[in-house]
Amino acid sequence: MSASLRVQTLGMFRVWLGNEPLPSVVWKREKAQRLFQFLITVRLNDSHQMLPKERITAELWPTLDAGRADRDFKVALNALNDALEPHRPVRTLSTFVTRHGLAYGLDPDAAIAIDAEEFRLGLRDAARLERDDPSATIDAYRDALDCYAGDYLPDALYEDWASLERERLQTLYLTGAMRLAALLLDEGGYQEAIHLCQPVLMIDRYWEEAYRLMMLSHALRGNRPLALSVYEGVPRRAARQPGSLGTRGCRPVGRLRARAGHAASHRRADQPDVAHPATAERGPAGERILRRVRRGADSAPALPAGAAGERPGRAHRAA
């Protein structure tokens, strides 16, 4: 049976050889671990890409002179091969790291499962299901988002080559979570939508779509005070950006507003329409979304706790 690797890059860095986790001591040298992480990052962008040794050393150790970088690369590569294949016979080729001339990379045919790749492919499949099998879309987005356990390679926080991939994967998570939240709103899953928005705002407090969907979720549950509380928490920078707070990509808003409006009821006498004190500062876009929230909250029927469509679940779902 051929050897296989499973690599966790999201939230923390861990490697399994077959079913056995590799202890951190097997790396012997930090540079061996960094070399493997760099090759993993290259593979995520192009599974067949090979990079010249000079390019690899320039990315990993830019301050070293050519001679020192060449020596450190050889030592790191040997330590990496020993960590991944401790029982590999002497003078045999590595199963996982391949070489063509002076170019190196991970073997595209090697059995290497990477959580970041599973996450990215899961989101792609979920988007495809929206066209081909809408009924399976929500679960597909849930499964994909469950792969995202945190930032990419957090122990390589200041490495430029890791930062680019980290930002790309983070943006995929933010947009995927918001897409799932919008789909859940259409199905009445208001509480789960709220729980999806909360970690998004922990990552990026200026992500306007999360505020918009949280306000709509609270409003459609009939909780006007919480909807207004979310509005009051919108940072000034997000509120002042052109087209912010619901003026961008508002097709789901229209559907939800219409659905809430069909059950319209008169405003109670003890709920006067008081203007938000920051409305003038936040501009016309802020006023529009606040009016939407107020109209939606007043017209949407209150839902009992645990209403249909609200599913408890994993880390990003309601508790």
Protein backbone atom coordinates (compact mmCIF):
# COMPACT_ATOMS: atom_id res chain seq x y z
CA MET A 1 0.00 0.00 0.00
CA SER A 2 1.45 3.39 -1.03
CA ALA A 3 2.09 6.05 1.60
CA SER A 4 -0.34 8.94 1.99
CA LEU A 5 -0.29 12.30 3.73
CA ARG A 6 -3.07 14.34 5.25
CA VAL A 7 -2.22 17.98 5.97
CA GLN A 8 -4.10 20.49 8.10
CA THR A 9 -3.18 24.06 7.19
CA LEU A 10 -6.27 25.92 8.47
CA GLY A 11 -6.32 26.99 12.09
CA MET A 12 -3.09 25.14 12.84
CA PHE A 13 -0.47 23.06 11.07
CA ARG A 14 -0.53 19.28 11.48
CA VAL A 15 0.48 16.34 9.30
CA TRP A 16 -0.62 12.72 9.32
CA LEU A 17 1.36 9.95 7.66
CA GLY A 18 -1.34 7.43 6.89
CA ASN A 19 -3.44 7.49 10.07
CA GLU A 20 -0.58 8.44 12.36
CA PRO A 21 0.00 12.07 13.34
CA LEU A 22 3.56 13.26 12.93
CA PRO A 23 4.91 14.72 16.19
CA SER A 24 6.52 18.14 15.90
CA VAL A 25 9.92 16.72 16.85
CA VAL A 26 10.19 14.79 13.56
CA TRP A 27 10.94 18.01 11.68
CA LYS A 28 14.25 18.42 13.53
CA ARG A 29 14.68 21.81 11.85
CA GLU A 30 12.20 24.65 11.45
CA LYS A 31 13.49 25.21 7.92
CA ALA A 32 12.37 21.70 6.93
CA GLN A 33 8.83 22.47 8.09
CA ARG A 34 8.87 25.84 6.31
CA LEU A 35 10.05 24.18 3.11
CA PHE A 36 7.16 21.71 3.26
CA GLN A 37 4.65 24.50 3.97
CA PHE A 38 5.99 26.47 1.03
CA LEU A 39 5.67 23.45 -1.30
CA ILE A 40 2.12 22.90 -0.03
CA THR A 41 1.30 26.52 -0.88
CA VAL A 42 2.74 26.11 -4.37
CA ARG A 43 0.67 22.95 -4.87
CA LEU A 44 -2.53 24.74 -3.87
CA ASN A 45 -2.02 27.18 -6.73
CA ASP A 46 -0.84 24.63 -9.31
CA SER A 47 -0.53 20.92 -8.49
CA HIS A 48 2.02 20.40 -11.31
CA GLN A 49 4.19 23.44 -10.64
CA MET A 50 7.91 22.98 -10.05
CA LEU A 51 10.07 25.86 -8.88
CA PRO A 52 13.81 26.37 -9.36
CA LYS A 53 15.83 25.96 -6.20
CA GLU A 54 16.97 29.60 -6.41
CA ARG A 55 13.36 30.78 -6.44
CA ILE A 56 12.51 28.62 -3.43
CA THR A 57 15.45 29.84 -1.37
CA ALA A 58 14.77 33.46 -2.35
CA GLU A 59 11.19 33.13 -1.04
CA LEU A 60 12.09 31.27 2.14
CA TRP A 61 15.42 32.83 3.15
CA PRO A 62 15.82 36.11 1.25
CA THR A 63 18.60 37.43 3.50
CA LEU A 64 21.01 34.53 2.94
CA ASP A 65 23.76 34.66 0.36
CA ALA A 66 23.67 32.09 -2.48
CA GLY A 67 26.17 29.68 -0.91
CA ARG A 68 24.51 29.64 2.51
CA ALA A 69 21.04 29.37 0.97
CA ASP A 70 22.13 26.38 -1.14
CA ARG A 71 23.55 24.58 1.92
CA ASP A 72 20.48 25.29 4.04
CA PHE A 73 18.18 24.07 1.27
CA LYS A 74 19.97 20.72 1.04
CA VAL A 75 19.86 20.24 4.80
CA ALA A 76 16.18 21.24 4.97
CA LEU A 77 15.25 18.95 2.07
CA ASN A 78 16.98 15.96 3.66
CA ALA A 79 15.27 16.67 6.99
CA LEU A 80 11.91 17.02 5.21
CA ASN A 81 12.27 13.68 3.41
CA ASP A 82 13.28 12.00 6.69
CA ALA A 83 10.24 13.47 8.47
CA LEU A 84 7.75 12.38 5.81
CA GLU A 85 9.32 8.99 5.13
CA PRO A 86 11.34 7.89 8.16
CA HIS A 87 11.71 4.31 6.87
CA ARG A 88 12.62 5.16 3.26
CA PRO A 89 15.60 3.08 2.08
CA VAL A 90 18.83 4.94 1.39
CA ARG A 91 19.30 6.25 -2.18
CA THR A 92 15.65 5.77 -3.12
CA LEU A 93 13.44 8.53 -4.51
CA SER A 94 11.02 10.35 -2.26
CA THR A 95 7.35 9.49 -2.60
CA PHE A 96 6.22 13.04 -1.98
CA VAL A 97 8.94 15.49 -3.10
CA THR A 98 9.98 15.30 -6.72
CA ARG A 99 12.83 16.89 -8.66
CA HIS A 100 13.39 17.75 -12.30
CA GLY A 101 16.87 19.12 -12.83
CA LEU A 102 17.18 21.94 -10.32
CA ALA A 103 13.42 22.40 -9.92
CA TYR A 104 11.50 20.97 -6.97
CA GLY A 105 7.89 20.44 -5.99
CA LEU A 106 5.42 18.01 -4.51
CA ASP A 107 4.70 15.01 -6.72
CA PRO A 108 1.31 15.68 -8.36
CA ASP A 109 0.56 11.94 -8.31
CA ALA A 110 1.36 11.52 -4.60
CA ALA A 111 -1.54 10.92 -2.20
CA ILE A 112 -1.56 14.24 -0.35
CA ALA A 113 -4.87 15.51 1.06
CA ILE A 114 -4.84 19.19 2.06
CA ASP A 115 -7.72 20.72 4.02
CA ALA A 116 -7.40 24.08 2.23
CA GLU A 117 -7.85 22.35 -1.11
CA GLU A 118 -10.90 20.45 0.17
CA PHE A 119 -12.36 23.73 1.42
CA ARG A 120 -11.85 25.50 -1.90
CA LEU A 121 -13.22 22.61 -3.96
CA GLY A 122 -16.18 22.27 -1.59
CA LEU A 123 -17.19 25.88 -2.18
CA ARG A 124 -16.81 25.42 -5.92
CA ASP A 125 -19.06 22.34 -5.84
CA ALA A 126 -21.64 24.16 -3.72
CA ALA A 127 -21.78 27.03 -6.22
CA ARG A 128 -22.27 24.54 -9.03
CA LEU A 129 -25.13 22.87 -7.14
CA GLU A 130 -26.98 26.19 -7.05
CA ARG A 131 -27.47 25.72 -10.78
CA ASP A 132 -27.78 21.94 -10.98
CA ASP A 133 -29.33 20.78 -7.68
CA PRO A 134 -30.55 23.68 -5.54
CA SER A 135 -32.02 21.39 -2.87
CA ALA A 136 -28.52 20.15 -1.96
CA THR A 137 -26.86 23.57 -2.01
CA ILE A 138 -27.23 24.52 1.66
CA ASP A 139 -25.73 21.29 2.98
CA ALA A 140 -22.91 21.54 0.45
CA TYR A 141 -22.04 25.05 1.68
CA ARG A 142 -22.19 23.84 5.29
CA ASP A 143 -19.80 20.98 4.58
CA ALA A 144 -17.37 23.27 2.76
CA LEU A 145 -17.37 25.93 5.49
CA ASP A 146 -16.77 23.27 8.14
CA CYS A 147 -13.36 22.69 6.53
CA TYR A 148 -12.32 26.23 7.42
CA ALA A 149 -10.91 25.89 10.96
CA GLY A 150 -9.11 29.24 10.93
CA ASP A 151 -6.38 31.20 9.19
CA TYR A 152 -4.03 29.49 6.75
CA LEU A 153 -0.69 28.53 8.35
CA PRO A 154 -1.00 30.80 11.40
CA ASP A 155 2.54 29.85 12.46
CA ALA A 156 3.85 31.44 9.24
CA LEU A 157 2.10 34.71 9.92
CA TYR A 158 4.83 37.01 8.58
CA GLU A 159 5.84 35.01 5.51
CA ASP A 160 4.81 36.85 2.33
CA TRP A 161 4.23 33.64 0.38
CA ALA A 162 1.82 32.41 3.07
CA SER A 163 0.06 35.77 3.49
CA LEU A 164 -1.20 35.82 -0.10
CA GLU A 165 -2.78 32.37 0.23
CA ARG A 166 -4.13 33.24 3.69
CA GLU A 167 -5.94 36.31 2.35
CA ARG A 168 -7.32 34.41 -0.62
CA LEU A 169 -8.75 31.60 1.53
CA GLN A 170 -10.10 34.04 4.08
CA THR A 171 -11.97 35.93 1.36
CA LEU A 172 -13.40 32.66 0.06
CA TYR A 173 -14.65 31.89 3.57
CA LEU A 174 -16.24 35.31 4.01
CA THR A 175 -18.06 35.23 0.67
CA GLY A 176 -19.07 31.56 1.12
CA ALA A 177 -20.47 32.22 4.59
CA MET A 178 -22.47 35.17 3.32
CA ARG A 179 -23.83 33.15 0.41
CA LEU A 180 -24.98 30.42 2.80
CA ALA A 181 -26.54 33.01 5.13
CA ALA A 182 -28.51 34.50 2.22
CA LEU A 183 -29.75 31.05 1.19
CA LEU A 184 -30.77 30.29 4.77
CA LEU A 185 -32.77 33.52 4.95
CA ASP A 186 -34.79 32.40 1.94
CA GLU A 187 -35.52 29.13 3.77
CA GLY A 188 -36.36 30.69 7.14
CA GLY A 189 -33.11 29.71 8.84
CA TYR A 190 -32.71 33.06 10.55
CA GLN A 191 -30.81 31.97 13.65
CA GLU A 192 -28.24 29.99 11.69
CA ALA A 193 -27.79 32.97 9.36
CA ILE A 194 -27.05 35.18 12.38
CA HIS A 195 -24.49 32.69 13.69
CA LEU A 196 -22.76 32.71 10.30
CA CYS A 197 -22.49 36.49 10.30
CA GLN A 198 -20.89 36.74 13.73
CA PRO A 199 -17.52 35.06 12.92
CA VAL A 200 -17.41 36.97 9.65
CA LEU A 201 -17.49 40.25 11.57
CA MET A 202 -14.83 38.96 13.95
CA ILE A 203 -12.57 38.51 10.91
CA ASP A 204 -13.55 41.73 9.15
CA ARG A 205 -15.62 44.24 11.09
CA TYR A 206 -16.23 46.26 7.90
CA TRP A 207 -17.87 43.39 5.95
CA GLU A 208 -21.11 45.22 5.17
CA GLU A 209 -23.01 42.20 3.89
CA ALA A 210 -22.81 40.56 7.33
CA TYR A 211 -24.45 43.59 8.97
CA ARG A 212 -27.17 43.66 6.33
CA LEU A 213 -27.99 39.97 6.69
CA MET A 214 -27.95 40.14 10.50
CA MET A 215 -30.37 43.08 10.45
CA LEU A 216 -32.69 41.26 8.07
CA SER A 217 -32.52 38.05 10.12
CA HIS A 218 -33.50 39.83 13.33
CA ALA A 219 -36.17 41.83 11.52
CA LEU A 220 -37.73 38.76 9.94
CA ARG A 221 -37.80 37.06 13.33
CA GLY A 222 -39.77 40.05 14.59
CA ASN A 223 -36.98 41.33 16.84
CA ARG A 224 -36.86 45.03 16.00
CA PRO A 225 -34.62 46.07 18.95
CA LEU A 226 -31.88 43.63 17.96
CA ALA A 227 -32.08 44.69 14.32
CA LEU A 228 -31.60 48.32 15.35
CA SER A 229 -28.83 47.32 17.75
CA VAL A 230 -26.91 45.76 14.86
CA TYR A 231 -27.35 48.96 12.87
CA GLU A 232 -26.00 51.03 15.76
CA GLY A 233 -22.90 48.82 15.82
CA VAL A 234 -22.00 49.42 12.17
CA PRO A 235 -18.55 51.08 12.06
CA ARG A 236 -18.50 54.58 10.62
CA ARG A 237 -16.06 53.57 7.87
CA ALA A 238 -18.39 50.87 6.50
CA ALA A 239 -21.42 53.11 6.70
CA ARG A 240 -19.72 55.94 4.80
CA GLN A 241 -18.46 53.83 1.92
CA PRO A 242 -20.33 54.49 -1.36
CA GLY A 243 -23.06 51.94 -1.90
CA SER A 244 -22.73 50.47 1.58
CA LEU A 245 -25.29 48.73 3.74
CA GLY A 246 -27.47 47.04 1.24
CA THR A 247 -27.07 49.09 -1.90
CA ARG A 248 -24.80 46.43 -3.36
CA GLY A 249 -26.22 43.06 -4.42
CA CYS A 250 -29.71 43.68 -3.01
CA ARG A 251 -31.71 41.09 -4.93
CA PRO A 252 -32.09 38.84 -1.85
CA VAL A 253 -33.19 41.91 0.17
CA GLY A 254 -36.03 42.60 -2.22
CA ARG A 255 -37.34 39.06 -1.95
CA LEU A 256 -37.16 39.05 1.85
CA ARG A 257 -38.77 42.48 2.13
CA ALA A 258 -41.61 41.40 -0.13
CA ARG A 259 -42.17 38.23 1.87
CA ALA A 260 -42.22 40.16 5.13
CA GLY A 261 -44.49 42.80 3.62
CA HIS A 262 -47.20 40.29 2.73
CA ALA A 263 -47.85 39.80 6.44
CA ALA A 264 -47.95 43.56 7.10
CA SER A 265 -49.46 44.75 10.34
CA HIS A 266 -49.90 48.25 11.76
CA ARG A 267 -47.17 49.71 13.93
CA ARG A 268 -48.06 49.58 17.61
CA ALA A 269 -48.65 52.92 19.31
CA ASP A 270 -45.82 52.26 21.76
CA GLN A 271 -43.29 51.88 18.91
CA PRO A 272 -42.87 55.40 17.45
CA ASP A 273 -40.67 55.78 14.42
CA VAL A 274 -37.70 57.49 16.06
CA ALA A 275 -34.88 58.49 13.75
CA HIS A 276 -31.51 56.92 14.44
CA PRO A 277 -29.14 59.58 15.83
CA ALA A 278 -26.35 58.61 13.42
CA THR A 279 -28.51 58.50 10.29
CA ALA A 280 -27.42 61.93 9.09
CA GLU A 281 -23.77 60.99 9.47
CA ARG A 282 -24.20 57.62 7.81
CA GLY A 283 -25.85 59.06 4.74
CA PRO A 284 -28.71 58.01 2.42
CA ALA A 285 -27.57 54.39 2.21
CA GLY A 286 -27.77 54.06 5.99
CA GLU A 287 -31.23 55.66 6.03
CA ARG A 288 -32.49 53.24 3.39
CA ILE A 289 -31.35 50.11 5.18
CA LEU A 290 -32.70 51.42 8.51
CA ARG A 291 -36.12 51.97 6.89
CA ARG A 292 -35.95 48.44 5.48
CA VAL A 293 -35.23 47.00 8.89
CA ARG A 294 -38.01 48.98 10.53
CA ARG A 295 -40.57 48.04 7.88
CA GLY A 296 -39.48 44.40 7.93
CA ALA A 297 -39.50 44.19 11.74
CA ASP A 298 -42.95 45.72 12.01
CA SER A 299 -44.49 43.50 9.33
CA ALA A 300 -42.78 40.15 9.92
CA PRO A 301 -44.56 37.74 12.28
CA ALA A 302 -42.60 36.73 15.38
CA LEU A 303 -41.15 33.24 15.23
CA PRO A 304 -40.92 30.92 18.23
CA ALA A 305 -37.52 29.65 19.31
CA GLY A 306 -36.47 26.64 17.26
CA ALA A 307 -38.72 27.55 14.35
CA ALA A 308 -38.64 25.45 11.21
CA GLY A 309 -35.59 26.05 9.11
CA GLU A 310 -33.28 26.76 12.07
CA ARG A 311 -30.84 23.88 12.38
CA PRO A 312 -28.43 23.44 15.25
CA GLY A 313 -25.11 22.17 14.07
CA ARG A 314 -21.40 22.60 13.86
CA ALA A 315 -19.11 25.46 14.84
CA HIS A 316 -20.70 28.14 12.63
CA ARG A 317 -24.30 27.12 13.34
CA ALA A 318 -26.62 27.97 16.15
CA ALA A 319 -25.82 26.35 19.49
